[in-house]
Amino acid sequence: PPAPRGIPQVEVTFDIDANGILSVTAKDKATNKEQNIRITGSSGRDKTEVEKMKRDAQDQAAEDKER
């Protein structure tokens, strides 16, 4: 059954390797169920753009932790 509104806690991890492969993991902290996805296709973005996206994601994650 779905958890009540506001109760679910999901930990999401993003990892981009040197080859531009993105791995995303989402884990429900209550049930320890985990889902993974790996994205290997090229987005056409250069390294600078990908690095900026990583920094933005890290900044947003830090803001989320403060809430």
N, C-alpha and C. Protein backbone atom coordinates (compact mmCIF):
# COMPACT_ATOMS: atom_id res chain seq x y z
N PRO A 1 0.83 -1.20 0.00
CA PRO A 1 0.00 0.00 0.00
C PRO A 1 0.87 1.26 0.00
N PRO A 2 0.40 2.31 -0.62
CA PRO A 2 1.17 3.56 -0.63
C PRO A 2 1.28 4.14 0.78
N ALA A 3 2.38 4.80 1.03
CA ALA A 3 2.58 5.46 2.32
C ALA A 3 1.74 6.74 2.36
N PRO A 4 1.38 7.19 3.56
CA PRO A 4 0.62 8.44 3.67
C PRO A 4 1.42 9.62 3.10
N ARG A 5 0.70 10.61 2.65
CA ARG A 5 1.33 11.80 2.08
C ARG A 5 2.33 12.40 3.07
N GLY A 6 3.48 12.80 2.54
CA GLY A 6 4.50 13.44 3.35
C GLY A 6 5.39 12.49 4.12
N ILE A 7 5.07 11.22 4.13
CA ILE A 7 5.83 10.25 4.90
C ILE A 7 6.98 9.60 4.12
N PRO A 8 6.81 9.25 2.83
CA PRO A 8 7.87 8.53 2.13
C PRO A 8 9.19 9.30 2.12
N GLN A 9 10.26 8.57 2.32
CA GLN A 9 11.59 9.15 2.22
C GLN A 9 12.37 8.33 1.21
N VAL A 10 12.80 9.00 0.15
CA VAL A 10 13.51 8.33 -0.92
C VAL A 10 14.88 8.99 -1.07
N GLU A 11 15.90 8.15 -1.07
CA GLU A 11 17.26 8.63 -1.27
C GLU A 11 17.62 8.39 -2.73
N VAL A 12 18.00 9.45 -3.44
CA VAL A 12 18.34 9.34 -4.86
C VAL A 12 19.80 9.71 -5.03
N THR A 13 20.52 8.86 -5.76
CA THR A 13 21.94 9.08 -6.01
C THR A 13 22.18 9.14 -7.52
N PHE A 14 22.94 10.15 -7.94
CA PHE A 14 23.31 10.30 -9.35
C PHE A 14 24.82 10.15 -9.45
N ASP A 15 25.28 9.42 -10.46
CA ASP A 15 26.71 9.26 -10.67
C ASP A 15 26.99 9.31 -12.16
N ILE A 16 27.91 10.18 -12.56
CA ILE A 16 28.33 10.26 -13.95
C ILE A 16 29.79 9.88 -14.00
N ASP A 17 30.11 8.86 -14.80
CA ASP A 17 31.51 8.44 -14.89
C ASP A 17 32.24 9.22 -15.98
N ALA A 18 33.52 8.94 -16.14
CA ALA A 18 34.36 9.67 -17.08
C ALA A 18 33.89 9.51 -18.53
N ASN A 19 33.13 8.47 -18.81
CA ASN A 19 32.63 8.23 -20.17
C ASN A 19 31.26 8.84 -20.41
N GLY A 20 30.74 9.56 -19.42
CA GLY A 20 29.44 10.21 -19.56
C GLY A 20 28.27 9.28 -19.30
N ILE A 21 28.53 8.13 -18.70
CA ILE A 21 27.45 7.20 -18.38
C ILE A 21 26.83 7.62 -17.05
N LEU A 22 25.52 7.83 -17.07
CA LEU A 22 24.79 8.27 -15.89
C LEU A 22 24.13 7.08 -15.22
N SER A 23 24.39 6.92 -13.94
CA SER A 23 23.73 5.89 -13.14
C SER A 23 22.89 6.59 -12.08
N VAL A 24 21.63 6.18 -11.97
CA VAL A 24 20.72 6.77 -10.98
C VAL A 24 20.17 5.64 -10.12
N THR A 25 20.23 5.83 -8.81
CA THR A 25 19.69 4.85 -7.87
C THR A 25 18.69 5.57 -6.97
N ALA A 26 17.52 4.98 -6.78
CA ALA A 26 16.51 5.51 -5.87
C ALA A 26 16.19 4.42 -4.85
N LYS A 27 16.27 4.78 -3.56
CA LYS A 27 16.03 3.81 -2.50
C LYS A 27 14.98 4.33 -1.54
N ASP A 28 13.94 3.53 -1.32
CA ASP A 28 12.90 3.85 -0.34
C ASP A 28 13.47 3.50 1.03
N LYS A 29 13.65 4.50 1.87
CA LYS A 29 14.30 4.27 3.16
C LYS A 29 13.46 3.44 4.12
N ALA A 30 12.16 3.42 3.93
CA ALA A 30 11.29 2.65 4.82
C ALA A 30 11.34 1.15 4.50
N THR A 31 11.39 0.83 3.21
CA THR A 31 11.33 -0.58 2.81
C THR A 31 12.66 -1.12 2.32
N ASN A 32 13.63 -0.23 2.14
CA ASN A 32 14.94 -0.57 1.57
C ASN A 32 14.86 -1.10 0.14
N LYS A 33 13.72 -0.90 -0.52
CA LYS A 33 13.61 -1.28 -1.93
C LYS A 33 14.42 -0.28 -2.75
N GLU A 34 15.10 -0.80 -3.76
CA GLU A 34 15.99 0.04 -4.55
C GLU A 34 15.75 -0.19 -6.03
N GLN A 35 15.80 0.88 -6.80
CA GLN A 35 15.68 0.81 -8.25
C GLN A 35 16.88 1.52 -8.86
N ASN A 36 17.41 0.95 -9.94
CA ASN A 36 18.57 1.53 -10.61
C ASN A 36 18.28 1.70 -12.09
N ILE A 37 18.91 2.72 -12.67
CA ILE A 37 18.85 2.89 -14.11
C ILE A 37 20.23 3.39 -14.55
N ARG A 38 20.63 2.94 -15.71
CA ARG A 38 21.92 3.35 -16.27
C ARG A 38 21.66 3.89 -17.67
N ILE A 39 22.10 5.11 -17.91
CA ILE A 39 21.85 5.76 -19.19
C ILE A 39 23.20 5.92 -19.90
N THR A 40 23.32 5.25 -21.04
CA THR A 40 24.61 5.24 -21.73
C THR A 40 24.60 6.07 -23.01
N GLY A 41 23.45 6.47 -23.49
CA GLY A 41 23.37 7.21 -24.75
C GLY A 41 23.99 8.59 -24.63
N SER A 42 24.51 9.08 -25.72
CA SER A 42 25.10 10.41 -25.75
C SER A 42 24.00 11.46 -25.84
N SER A 43 24.13 12.49 -25.04
CA SER A 43 23.14 13.57 -25.07
C SER A 43 23.58 14.69 -25.99
N GLY A 44 24.80 14.59 -26.51
CA GLY A 44 25.32 15.66 -27.36
C GLY A 44 25.88 16.82 -26.56
N ARG A 45 25.94 16.67 -25.25
CA ARG A 45 26.47 17.74 -24.40
C ARG A 45 27.98 17.55 -24.23
N ASP A 46 28.69 18.67 -24.18
CA ASP A 46 30.13 18.57 -23.97
C ASP A 46 30.43 18.44 -22.48
N LYS A 47 31.69 18.17 -22.16
CA LYS A 47 32.09 17.93 -20.77
C LYS A 47 31.79 19.12 -19.87
N THR A 48 31.99 20.32 -20.37
CA THR A 48 31.75 21.53 -19.57
C THR A 48 30.28 21.61 -19.15
N GLU A 49 29.41 21.32 -20.09
CA GLU A 49 27.97 21.37 -19.82
C GLU A 49 27.57 20.29 -18.80
N VAL A 50 28.13 19.10 -18.96
CA VAL A 50 27.84 18.00 -18.04
C VAL A 50 28.34 18.34 -16.64
N GLU A 51 29.54 18.91 -16.53
CA GLU A 51 30.09 19.29 -15.23
C GLU A 51 29.21 20.34 -14.56
N LYS A 52 28.71 21.31 -15.34
CA LYS A 52 27.82 22.33 -14.78
C LYS A 52 26.54 21.68 -14.26
N MET A 53 26.01 20.72 -15.01
CA MET A 53 24.79 20.04 -14.59
C MET A 53 25.04 19.27 -13.29
N LYS A 54 26.22 18.65 -13.16
CA LYS A 54 26.56 17.93 -11.93
C LYS A 54 26.63 18.89 -10.74
N ARG A 55 27.29 20.05 -10.95
CA ARG A 55 27.38 21.04 -9.86
C ARG A 55 26.00 21.53 -9.45
N ASP A 56 25.15 21.81 -10.45
CA ASP A 56 23.78 22.26 -10.16
C ASP A 56 23.02 21.21 -9.35
N ALA A 57 23.16 19.94 -9.75
CA ALA A 57 22.47 18.86 -9.04
C ALA A 57 22.98 18.75 -7.60
N GLN A 58 24.29 18.90 -7.40
CA GLN A 58 24.84 18.83 -6.05
C GLN A 58 24.36 20.00 -5.20
N ASP A 59 24.29 21.19 -5.80
CA ASP A 59 23.78 22.36 -5.08
C ASP A 59 22.33 22.15 -4.66
N GLN A 60 21.53 21.61 -5.57
CA GLN A 60 20.12 21.38 -5.26
C GLN A 60 19.97 20.30 -4.20
N ALA A 61 20.83 19.29 -4.23
CA ALA A 61 20.78 18.25 -3.20
C ALA A 61 21.10 18.84 -1.84
N ALA A 62 22.07 19.75 -1.78
CA ALA A 62 22.41 20.39 -0.52
C ALA A 62 21.24 21.22 0.00
N GLU A 63 20.56 21.93 -0.90
CA GLU A 63 19.39 22.71 -0.50
C GLU A 63 18.28 21.80 0.02
N ASP A 64 18.09 20.65 -0.63
CA ASP A 64 17.06 19.70 -0.19
C ASP A 64 17.36 19.19 1.22
N LYS A 65 18.62 18.95 1.53
CA LYS A 65 18.99 18.45 2.86
C LYS A 65 18.70 19.49 3.94
N GLU A 66 18.79 20.77 3.58
CA GLU A 66 18.55 21.84 4.55
C GLU A 66 17.07 21.96 4.91
N ARG A 67 16.20 21.45 4.07
CA ARG A 67 14.76 21.58 4.31
C ARG A 67 14.28 20.66 5.37
